[in-house]
């Protein structure tokens, strides 16, 4: 009889552990959480996580009077896998890697395309339309971006800039 109770306790413990893993592990993706999170910044040199990094952006974080027909670029410290740096619609946040938001319309991604340089170290986001005048924008590269050997970006990288009002 004692052996049966030990087996029951062990079985209950296994069920409890599996339940905890299922409930905590079946939430939204990191990218989905990023799309809903308040704006934060991980500036060049600030990420201490292992993995490739964004080392610069253009326009730079905090830039003002940016032309409304500008393209947005992010430069990485190593060769990246271009298939992991893409823009898709918000319907599939798992693959939203390079995003651009108009801060006056939070939660709405601006459409555009992403192209990589020949060396796969610079990603360029080309908005479909010119940007609104006198508006602050937030660009983001998410950790879905991976280097050539499959290592994820060390940190999400976000920066803001403001377009000219002329």
N, C-alpha and C. Protein backbone atom coordinates (compact mmCIF):
# COMPACT_ATOMS: atom_id res chain seq x y z
N UNK A 1 0.81 -1.19 0.00
CA UNK A 1 0.00 0.00 0.00
C UNK A 1 0.86 1.26 0.00
N UNK A 2 1.97 1.22 0.73
CA UNK A 2 2.84 2.39 0.80
C UNK A 2 3.42 2.70 -0.57
N UNK A 3 3.77 1.69 -1.33
CA UNK A 3 4.34 1.88 -2.66
C UNK A 3 3.36 2.58 -3.60
N UNK A 4 2.10 2.23 -3.50
CA UNK A 4 1.07 2.85 -4.33
C UNK A 4 0.98 4.34 -4.01
N UNK A 5 1.01 4.74 -2.75
CA UNK A 5 0.94 6.14 -2.37
C UNK A 5 2.15 6.92 -2.86
N UNK A 6 3.32 6.33 -2.86
CA UNK A 6 4.53 6.98 -3.37
C UNK A 6 4.40 7.21 -4.87
N UNK A 7 3.87 6.21 -5.57
CA UNK A 7 3.66 6.37 -7.01
C UNK A 7 2.63 7.45 -7.29
N UNK A 8 1.58 7.52 -6.49
CA UNK A 8 0.57 8.56 -6.67
C UNK A 8 1.18 9.95 -6.46
N UNK A 9 1.96 10.09 -5.42
CA UNK A 9 2.59 11.38 -5.13
C UNK A 9 3.54 11.78 -6.26
N UNK A 10 4.33 10.82 -6.75
CA UNK A 10 5.25 11.09 -7.84
C UNK A 10 4.48 11.49 -9.10
N UNK A 11 3.41 10.78 -9.41
CA UNK A 11 2.59 11.09 -10.57
C UNK A 11 1.98 12.49 -10.44
N UNK A 12 1.47 12.84 -9.27
CA UNK A 12 0.88 14.16 -9.04
C UNK A 12 1.93 15.25 -9.21
N UNK A 13 3.14 15.00 -8.74
CA UNK A 13 4.23 15.96 -8.89
C UNK A 13 4.59 16.17 -10.36
N UNK A 14 4.62 15.09 -11.12
CA UNK A 14 4.90 15.18 -12.56
C UNK A 14 3.81 15.99 -13.25
N UNK A 15 2.56 15.70 -12.94
CA UNK A 15 1.43 16.43 -13.54
C UNK A 15 1.51 17.92 -13.19
N UNK A 16 1.84 18.24 -11.96
CA UNK A 16 1.97 19.63 -11.54
C UNK A 16 3.09 20.33 -12.31
N UNK A 17 4.23 19.68 -12.43
CA UNK A 17 5.37 20.28 -13.15
C UNK A 17 5.03 20.51 -14.62
N UNK A 18 4.41 19.54 -15.27
CA UNK A 18 4.03 19.67 -16.67
C UNK A 18 3.01 20.81 -16.83
N UNK A 19 2.07 20.90 -15.91
CA UNK A 19 1.07 21.97 -15.96
C UNK A 19 1.72 23.34 -15.86
N UNK A 20 2.66 23.49 -14.95
CA UNK A 20 3.35 24.77 -14.80
C UNK A 20 4.08 25.12 -16.09
N UNK A 21 4.79 24.18 -16.68
CA UNK A 21 5.51 24.44 -17.92
C UNK A 21 4.55 24.78 -19.06
N UNK A 22 3.43 24.11 -19.13
CA UNK A 22 2.47 24.39 -20.19
C UNK A 22 1.86 25.78 -20.05
N UNK A 23 1.47 26.13 -18.83
CA UNK A 23 0.82 27.43 -18.64
C UNK A 23 1.80 28.59 -18.78
N UNK A 24 3.02 28.43 -18.34
CA UNK A 24 3.98 29.53 -18.45
C UNK A 24 4.66 29.57 -19.80
N UNK A 25 4.72 28.46 -20.49
CA UNK A 25 5.42 28.41 -21.77
C UNK A 25 4.55 28.64 -22.98
N UNK A 26 3.27 28.79 -22.81
CA UNK A 26 2.38 28.94 -23.96
C UNK A 26 1.84 30.35 -24.11
N UNK A 27 2.59 31.32 -23.63
CA UNK A 27 2.18 32.71 -23.77
C UNK A 27 2.51 33.22 -25.15
N UNK A 28 2.44 34.54 -25.30
CA UNK A 28 2.74 35.17 -26.57
C UNK A 28 4.24 35.12 -26.83
N UNK A 29 4.61 35.29 -28.07
CA UNK A 29 6.01 35.30 -28.43
C UNK A 29 6.69 36.56 -27.92
N UNK A 30 8.03 36.56 -27.88
CA UNK A 30 8.77 37.74 -27.48
C UNK A 30 8.47 38.90 -28.41
N UNK A 31 8.36 38.62 -29.71
CA UNK A 31 8.10 39.68 -30.67
C UNK A 31 6.70 40.26 -30.48
N UNK A 32 5.72 39.41 -30.17
CA UNK A 32 4.38 39.92 -29.91
C UNK A 32 4.39 40.81 -28.68
N UNK A 33 5.11 40.41 -27.65
CA UNK A 33 5.21 41.24 -26.45
C UNK A 33 5.92 42.54 -26.78
N UNK A 34 6.92 42.50 -27.64
CA UNK A 34 7.63 43.70 -28.03
C UNK A 34 6.69 44.68 -28.72
N UNK A 35 5.82 44.16 -29.59
CA UNK A 35 4.91 45.03 -30.31
C UNK A 35 3.92 45.72 -29.38
N UNK A 36 3.64 45.11 -28.23
CA UNK A 36 2.68 45.68 -27.29
C UNK A 36 3.36 46.44 -26.16
N UNK A 37 4.66 46.30 -26.02
CA UNK A 37 5.39 46.90 -24.90
C UNK A 37 5.54 48.40 -25.08
N UNK A 38 5.71 49.11 -23.96
CA UNK A 38 5.99 50.54 -24.08
C UNK A 38 7.35 50.72 -24.76
N UNK A 39 7.54 51.88 -25.36
CA UNK A 39 8.78 52.13 -26.08
C UNK A 39 9.95 52.20 -25.10
N UNK A 40 10.97 51.45 -25.38
CA UNK A 40 12.20 51.49 -24.60
C UNK A 40 13.35 51.63 -25.58
N UNK A 41 14.56 51.81 -25.07
CA UNK A 41 15.71 51.98 -25.95
C UNK A 41 16.84 51.09 -25.50
N UNK A 42 17.46 50.45 -26.44
CA UNK A 42 18.72 49.76 -26.21
C UNK A 42 19.67 50.38 -27.22
N UNK A 43 20.44 51.33 -26.75
CA UNK A 43 21.30 52.11 -27.62
C UNK A 43 22.62 51.38 -27.90
N UNK A 44 23.37 51.82 -28.93
CA UNK A 44 24.65 51.17 -29.22
C UNK A 44 25.52 51.08 -27.97
N UNK A 45 26.07 49.90 -27.75
CA UNK A 45 26.94 49.67 -26.61
C UNK A 45 26.22 49.36 -25.31
N UNK A 46 24.89 49.50 -25.26
CA UNK A 46 24.16 49.29 -24.01
C UNK A 46 23.76 47.83 -23.80
N UNK A 47 23.71 47.03 -24.86
CA UNK A 47 23.31 45.63 -24.74
C UNK A 47 24.48 44.80 -24.21
N UNK A 48 24.23 44.09 -23.13
CA UNK A 48 25.28 43.25 -22.55
C UNK A 48 25.02 41.76 -22.80
N UNK A 49 23.99 41.45 -23.55
CA UNK A 49 23.66 40.06 -23.85
C UNK A 49 24.59 39.51 -24.94
N UNK A 50 24.77 38.21 -24.94
CA UNK A 50 25.58 37.54 -25.96
C UNK A 50 24.82 37.54 -27.28
N UNK A 51 25.52 37.72 -28.36
CA UNK A 51 24.90 37.68 -29.68
C UNK A 51 25.29 38.89 -30.50
N UNK A 52 24.89 38.90 -31.76
CA UNK A 52 25.20 40.05 -32.61
C UNK A 52 24.51 41.30 -32.08
N UNK A 53 25.01 42.46 -32.47
CA UNK A 53 24.49 43.72 -31.98
C UNK A 53 24.29 44.71 -33.13
N UNK A 54 23.37 45.64 -32.93
CA UNK A 54 23.27 46.80 -33.81
C UNK A 54 24.27 47.81 -33.26
N UNK A 55 25.18 48.28 -34.12
CA UNK A 55 26.21 49.19 -33.65
C UNK A 55 25.95 50.64 -34.04
N UNK A 56 25.06 50.86 -35.02
CA UNK A 56 24.68 52.23 -35.36
C UNK A 56 23.38 52.21 -36.15
N UNK A 57 22.75 53.37 -36.20
CA UNK A 57 21.52 53.51 -36.97
C UNK A 57 21.53 54.87 -37.66
N UNK A 58 20.78 54.94 -38.74
CA UNK A 58 20.64 56.19 -39.47
C UNK A 58 19.19 56.29 -39.93
N UNK A 59 18.46 57.29 -39.49
CA UNK A 59 18.88 58.38 -38.64
C UNK A 59 19.28 57.87 -37.25
N UNK A 60 20.17 58.62 -36.61
CA UNK A 60 20.63 58.25 -35.27
C UNK A 60 19.51 58.44 -34.26
N UNK A 61 19.63 57.78 -33.13
CA UNK A 61 18.64 57.94 -32.07
C UNK A 61 18.66 59.40 -31.61
N UNK A 62 17.47 60.00 -31.55
CA UNK A 62 17.34 61.38 -31.12
C UNK A 62 17.51 62.40 -32.23
N UNK A 63 17.74 61.94 -33.47
CA UNK A 63 17.90 62.87 -34.59
C UNK A 63 16.63 63.68 -34.81
N UNK A 64 16.79 64.93 -35.22
CA UNK A 64 15.67 65.80 -35.54
C UNK A 64 15.86 66.36 -36.95
N UNK A 65 14.79 66.88 -37.51
CA UNK A 65 14.81 67.43 -38.86
C UNK A 65 15.23 66.41 -39.92
N UNK A 66 14.80 65.18 -39.72
CA UNK A 66 15.08 64.10 -40.67
C UNK A 66 14.17 64.29 -41.89
N UNK A 67 14.71 64.20 -43.10
CA UNK A 67 13.86 64.34 -44.30
C UNK A 67 12.74 63.29 -44.30
N UNK A 68 11.59 63.69 -44.83
CA UNK A 68 10.43 62.79 -44.82
C UNK A 68 10.55 61.65 -45.82
N UNK A 69 11.51 61.74 -46.76
CA UNK A 69 11.69 60.66 -47.72
C UNK A 69 12.90 59.78 -47.37
N UNK A 70 13.29 59.79 -46.11
CA UNK A 70 14.47 59.05 -45.68
C UNK A 70 14.24 57.55 -45.63
N UNK A 71 15.31 56.80 -45.78
CA UNK A 71 15.32 55.37 -45.54
C UNK A 71 15.99 55.17 -44.20
N UNK A 72 15.61 54.14 -43.47
CA UNK A 72 16.12 53.91 -42.13
C UNK A 72 17.06 52.71 -42.18
N UNK A 73 18.27 52.87 -41.62
CA UNK A 73 19.24 51.78 -41.67
C UNK A 73 19.72 51.39 -40.28
N UNK A 74 20.10 50.15 -40.15
CA UNK A 74 20.72 49.62 -38.94
C UNK A 74 21.96 48.86 -39.38
N UNK A 75 23.08 49.14 -38.72
CA UNK A 75 24.35 48.48 -39.03
C UNK A 75 24.68 47.50 -37.92
N UNK A 76 25.00 46.28 -38.30
CA UNK A 76 25.31 45.21 -37.35
C UNK A 76 26.82 45.02 -37.23
N UNK A 77 27.25 44.45 -36.11
CA UNK A 77 28.67 44.22 -35.88
C UNK A 77 29.19 42.95 -36.55
N UNK A 78 28.33 42.22 -37.22
CA UNK A 78 28.75 41.02 -37.93
C UNK A 78 27.75 40.68 -39.03
N UNK A 79 28.11 39.74 -39.86
CA UNK A 79 27.24 39.32 -40.97
C UNK A 79 25.97 38.69 -40.41
N UNK A 80 24.83 39.10 -40.96
CA UNK A 80 23.54 38.61 -40.51
C UNK A 80 22.90 37.72 -41.57
N UNK A 81 21.95 36.90 -41.14
CA UNK A 81 21.18 36.06 -42.05
C UNK A 81 20.04 36.91 -42.62
N UNK A 82 20.10 37.29 -43.89
CA UNK A 82 19.09 38.19 -44.44
C UNK A 82 17.67 37.63 -44.41
N UNK A 83 17.53 36.31 -44.33
CA UNK A 83 16.18 35.74 -44.29
C UNK A 83 15.49 35.99 -42.95
N UNK A 84 16.25 36.42 -41.94
CA UNK A 84 15.66 36.68 -40.62
C UNK A 84 15.43 38.16 -40.38
N UNK A 85 15.77 38.99 -41.33
CA UNK A 85 15.57 40.43 -41.18
C UNK A 85 14.58 40.86 -42.23
N UNK A 86 13.33 40.96 -41.81
CA UNK A 86 12.25 41.20 -42.76
C UNK A 86 11.18 42.03 -42.11
N UNK A 87 10.32 42.56 -42.93
CA UNK A 87 9.11 43.22 -42.47
C UNK A 87 7.95 42.42 -43.00
N UNK A 88 7.02 42.09 -42.13
CA UNK A 88 5.76 41.50 -42.57
C UNK A 88 4.66 42.24 -41.84
N UNK A 89 3.45 41.93 -42.17
CA UNK A 89 2.38 42.62 -41.48
C UNK A 89 2.27 42.15 -40.04
N UNK A 90 1.52 42.89 -39.26
CA UNK A 90 1.39 42.62 -37.85
C UNK A 90 0.65 41.31 -37.57
N UNK A 91 0.09 40.70 -38.59
CA UNK A 91 -0.63 39.46 -38.40
C UNK A 91 0.27 38.30 -38.01
N UNK A 92 1.57 38.41 -38.26
CA UNK A 92 2.50 37.35 -37.89
C UNK A 92 3.72 37.97 -37.21
N UNK A 93 3.59 38.34 -35.92
CA UNK A 93 4.69 39.03 -35.24
C UNK A 93 5.92 38.16 -35.05
N UNK A 94 5.84 36.87 -35.32
CA UNK A 94 7.02 36.03 -35.19
C UNK A 94 8.12 36.45 -36.16
N UNK A 95 7.76 37.03 -37.28
CA UNK A 95 8.79 37.39 -38.26
C UNK A 95 8.90 38.89 -38.49
N UNK A 96 8.32 39.69 -37.63
CA UNK A 96 8.50 41.13 -37.73
C UNK A 96 9.84 41.45 -37.09
N UNK A 97 10.80 41.81 -37.90
CA UNK A 97 12.14 42.06 -37.40
C UNK A 97 12.50 43.53 -37.42
N UNK A 98 12.20 44.22 -38.50
CA UNK A 98 12.55 45.64 -38.65
C UNK A 98 11.22 46.38 -38.76
N UNK A 99 10.90 47.17 -37.75
CA UNK A 99 9.61 47.85 -37.74
C UNK A 99 9.79 49.36 -37.63
N UNK A 100 8.76 50.07 -38.06
CA UNK A 100 8.73 51.52 -37.94
C UNK A 100 7.33 51.93 -37.52
N UNK A 101 7.26 52.72 -36.44
CA UNK A 101 6.00 53.23 -35.91
C UNK A 101 5.98 54.74 -35.96
N UNK A 102 4.83 55.30 -36.26
CA UNK A 102 4.55 56.72 -36.07
C UNK A 102 4.07 56.82 -34.63
N UNK A 103 4.79 57.54 -33.78
CA UNK A 103 4.44 57.59 -32.36
C UNK A 103 3.07 58.20 -32.10
N UNK A 104 2.52 58.93 -33.07
CA UNK A 104 1.17 59.48 -32.92
C UNK A 104 0.10 58.42 -33.16
N UNK A 105 0.49 57.30 -33.74
CA UNK A 105 -0.44 56.19 -34.01
C UNK A 105 0.14 54.90 -33.45
N UNK A 106 0.22 54.78 -32.12
CA UNK A 106 0.86 53.62 -31.51
C UNK A 106 0.19 52.31 -31.93
N UNK A 107 1.01 51.30 -32.09
CA UNK A 107 0.51 49.96 -32.43
C UNK A 107 0.29 49.72 -33.90
N UNK A 108 0.48 50.75 -34.74
CA UNK A 108 0.28 50.58 -36.17
C UNK A 108 1.63 50.62 -36.86
N UNK A 109 2.01 49.50 -37.43
CA UNK A 109 3.28 49.42 -38.16
C UNK A 109 3.16 50.13 -39.50
N UNK A 110 4.19 50.90 -39.85
CA UNK A 110 4.19 51.53 -41.17
C UNK A 110 4.70 50.51 -42.18
N UNK A 111 4.05 50.40 -43.33
CA UNK A 111 4.49 49.42 -44.32
C UNK A 111 5.78 49.85 -45.02
N UNK A 112 6.51 48.86 -45.48
CA UNK A 112 7.75 49.12 -46.21
C UNK A 112 8.44 47.81 -46.54
N UNK A 113 9.64 47.93 -47.08
CA UNK A 113 10.44 46.75 -47.42
C UNK A 113 11.79 46.85 -46.75
N UNK A 114 12.43 45.71 -46.56
CA UNK A 114 13.76 45.67 -45.96
C UNK A 114 14.73 45.05 -46.97
N UNK A 115 15.87 45.70 -47.14
CA UNK A 115 16.92 45.16 -48.00
C UNK A 115 18.21 45.10 -47.20
N UNK A 116 19.02 44.09 -47.51
CA UNK A 116 20.32 43.93 -46.85
C UNK A 116 21.43 44.35 -47.80
N UNK A 117 22.54 44.85 -47.23
CA UNK A 117 23.71 45.18 -48.03
C UNK A 117 24.35 43.90 -48.56
N UNK A 118 25.26 44.03 -49.51
CA UNK A 118 25.93 42.85 -50.09
C UNK A 118 26.67 42.05 -49.03
N UNK A 119 27.23 42.72 -48.03
CA UNK A 119 27.96 42.01 -46.97
C UNK A 119 27.05 41.54 -45.85
N UNK A 120 25.73 41.80 -45.96
CA UNK A 120 24.73 41.41 -44.95
C UNK A 120 25.03 42.00 -43.58
N UNK A 121 25.56 43.23 -43.55
CA UNK A 121 25.82 43.90 -42.28
C UNK A 121 24.97 45.16 -42.09
N UNK A 122 24.28 45.60 -43.14
CA UNK A 122 23.43 46.78 -43.04
C UNK A 122 22.04 46.43 -43.57
N UNK A 123 21.03 46.68 -42.71
CA UNK A 123 19.64 46.47 -43.11
C UNK A 123 19.02 47.85 -43.36
N UNK A 124 18.31 47.98 -44.48
CA UNK A 124 17.68 49.25 -44.83
C UNK A 124 16.18 49.05 -44.94
N UNK A 125 15.44 49.82 -44.14
CA UNK A 125 13.98 49.82 -44.20
C UNK A 125 13.56 50.96 -45.10
N UNK A 126 12.80 50.64 -46.14
CA UNK A 126 12.31 51.64 -47.09
C UNK A 126 10.80 51.74 -46.92
N UNK A 127 10.34 52.83 -46.27
CA UNK A 127 8.89 52.98 -46.08
C UNK A 127 8.18 53.06 -47.43
N UNK A 128 6.98 52.51 -47.49
CA UNK A 128 6.17 52.55 -48.71
C UNK A 128 5.84 53.98 -49.11
N UNK A 129 5.51 54.82 -48.14
CA UNK A 129 5.16 56.22 -48.38
C UNK A 129 6.14 57.12 -47.66
N UNK A 130 6.16 58.40 -48.04
CA UNK A 130 6.99 59.36 -47.31
C UNK A 130 6.46 59.46 -45.89
N UNK A 131 7.33 59.80 -44.96
CA UNK A 131 6.96 59.90 -43.56
C UNK A 131 6.22 61.22 -43.31
N UNK A 132 5.40 61.23 -42.29
CA UNK A 132 4.66 62.44 -41.92
C UNK A 132 5.62 63.51 -41.43
N UNK A 133 5.31 64.75 -41.73
CA UNK A 133 6.15 65.88 -41.31
C UNK A 133 6.00 66.13 -39.81
N UNK A 134 7.12 66.56 -39.20
CA UNK A 134 7.09 66.96 -37.80
C UNK A 134 6.62 65.88 -36.85
N UNK A 135 6.97 64.65 -37.14
CA UNK A 135 6.47 63.51 -36.37
C UNK A 135 7.64 62.71 -35.81
N UNK A 136 7.45 62.18 -34.61
CA UNK A 136 8.46 61.30 -34.01
C UNK A 136 8.13 59.87 -34.39
N UNK A 137 9.16 59.14 -34.84
CA UNK A 137 9.02 57.75 -35.24
C UNK A 137 9.90 56.88 -34.36
N UNK A 138 9.49 55.63 -34.17
CA UNK A 138 10.28 54.65 -33.46
C UNK A 138 10.57 53.49 -34.39
N UNK A 139 11.85 53.19 -34.56
CA UNK A 139 12.28 52.04 -35.37
C UNK A 139 12.78 50.97 -34.41
N UNK A 140 12.60 49.72 -34.79
CA UNK A 140 13.00 48.61 -33.93
C UNK A 140 13.58 47.48 -34.77
N UNK A 141 14.66 46.88 -34.28
CA UNK A 141 15.17 45.61 -34.79
C UNK A 141 14.96 44.62 -33.64
N UNK A 142 14.21 43.56 -33.87
CA UNK A 142 13.92 42.61 -32.80
C UNK A 142 14.94 41.48 -32.77
N UNK A 143 14.88 40.70 -31.70
CA UNK A 143 15.79 39.57 -31.53
C UNK A 143 15.49 38.42 -32.48
N UNK A 144 14.48 38.57 -33.33
CA UNK A 144 14.26 37.56 -34.38
C UNK A 144 15.40 37.59 -35.39
N UNK A 145 16.08 38.73 -35.50
CA UNK A 145 17.23 38.85 -36.40
C UNK A 145 18.35 37.93 -35.90
N UNK A 146 18.92 37.19 -36.83
CA UNK A 146 19.98 36.24 -36.47
C UNK A 146 21.19 36.45 -37.35
N UNK A 147 22.36 36.09 -36.82
CA UNK A 147 23.57 36.20 -37.62
C UNK A 147 23.68 35.02 -38.58
N UNK A 148 24.77 34.97 -39.33
CA UNK A 148 24.93 33.96 -40.37
C UNK A 148 24.96 32.53 -39.83
N UNK A 149 25.29 32.35 -38.54
CA UNK A 149 25.32 31.00 -37.97
C UNK A 149 24.10 30.71 -37.09
N UNK A 150 23.12 31.64 -37.07
CA UNK A 150 21.86 31.36 -36.38
C UNK A 150 21.74 31.90 -34.97
N UNK A 151 22.68 32.71 -34.50
CA UNK A 151 22.59 33.29 -33.17
C UNK A 151 21.73 34.54 -33.21
N UNK A 152 20.76 34.63 -32.31
CA UNK A 152 19.84 35.78 -32.27
C UNK A 152 20.55 37.05 -31.82
N UNK A 153 20.01 38.17 -32.28
CA UNK A 153 20.48 39.48 -31.82
C UNK A 153 20.48 39.48 -30.30
N UNK A 154 21.51 40.04 -29.69
CA UNK A 154 21.63 40.03 -28.23
C UNK A 154 20.48 40.73 -27.53
N UNK A 155 20.03 41.86 -28.07
CA UNK A 155 18.94 42.65 -27.46
C UNK A 155 18.09 43.25 -28.57
N UNK A 156 16.83 43.48 -28.25
CA UNK A 156 16.02 44.31 -29.15
C UNK A 156 16.66 45.68 -29.20
N UNK A 157 16.65 46.30 -30.36
CA UNK A 157 17.28 47.61 -30.53
C UNK A 157 16.22 48.58 -31.00
N UNK A 158 15.99 49.65 -30.23
CA UNK A 158 14.97 50.65 -30.57
C UNK A 158 15.58 52.02 -30.56
N UNK A 159 15.13 52.82 -31.51
CA UNK A 159 15.57 54.22 -31.52
C UNK A 159 14.48 55.10 -32.08
N UNK A 160 14.53 56.37 -31.71
CA UNK A 160 13.54 57.35 -32.15
C UNK A 160 14.22 58.47 -32.91
N UNK A 161 13.48 59.05 -33.84
CA UNK A 161 13.93 60.23 -34.56
C UNK A 161 12.71 61.03 -34.94
N UNK A 162 12.94 62.30 -35.29
CA UNK A 162 11.82 63.18 -35.65
C UNK A 162 12.05 63.77 -37.03
N UNK A 163 10.99 63.75 -37.83
CA UNK A 163 11.08 64.31 -39.19
C UNK A 163 10.96 65.82 -39.14
N UNK A 164 11.43 66.43 -40.20
CA UNK A 164 11.33 67.88 -40.34
C UNK A 164 9.88 68.31 -40.48
N UNK A 165 9.57 69.49 -40.03
CA UNK A 165 8.20 69.97 -40.17
C UNK A 165 8.06 70.89 -41.38
N UNK A 166 9.07 70.96 -42.19
CA UNK A 166 9.08 71.79 -43.41
C UNK A 166 8.55 71.02 -44.59
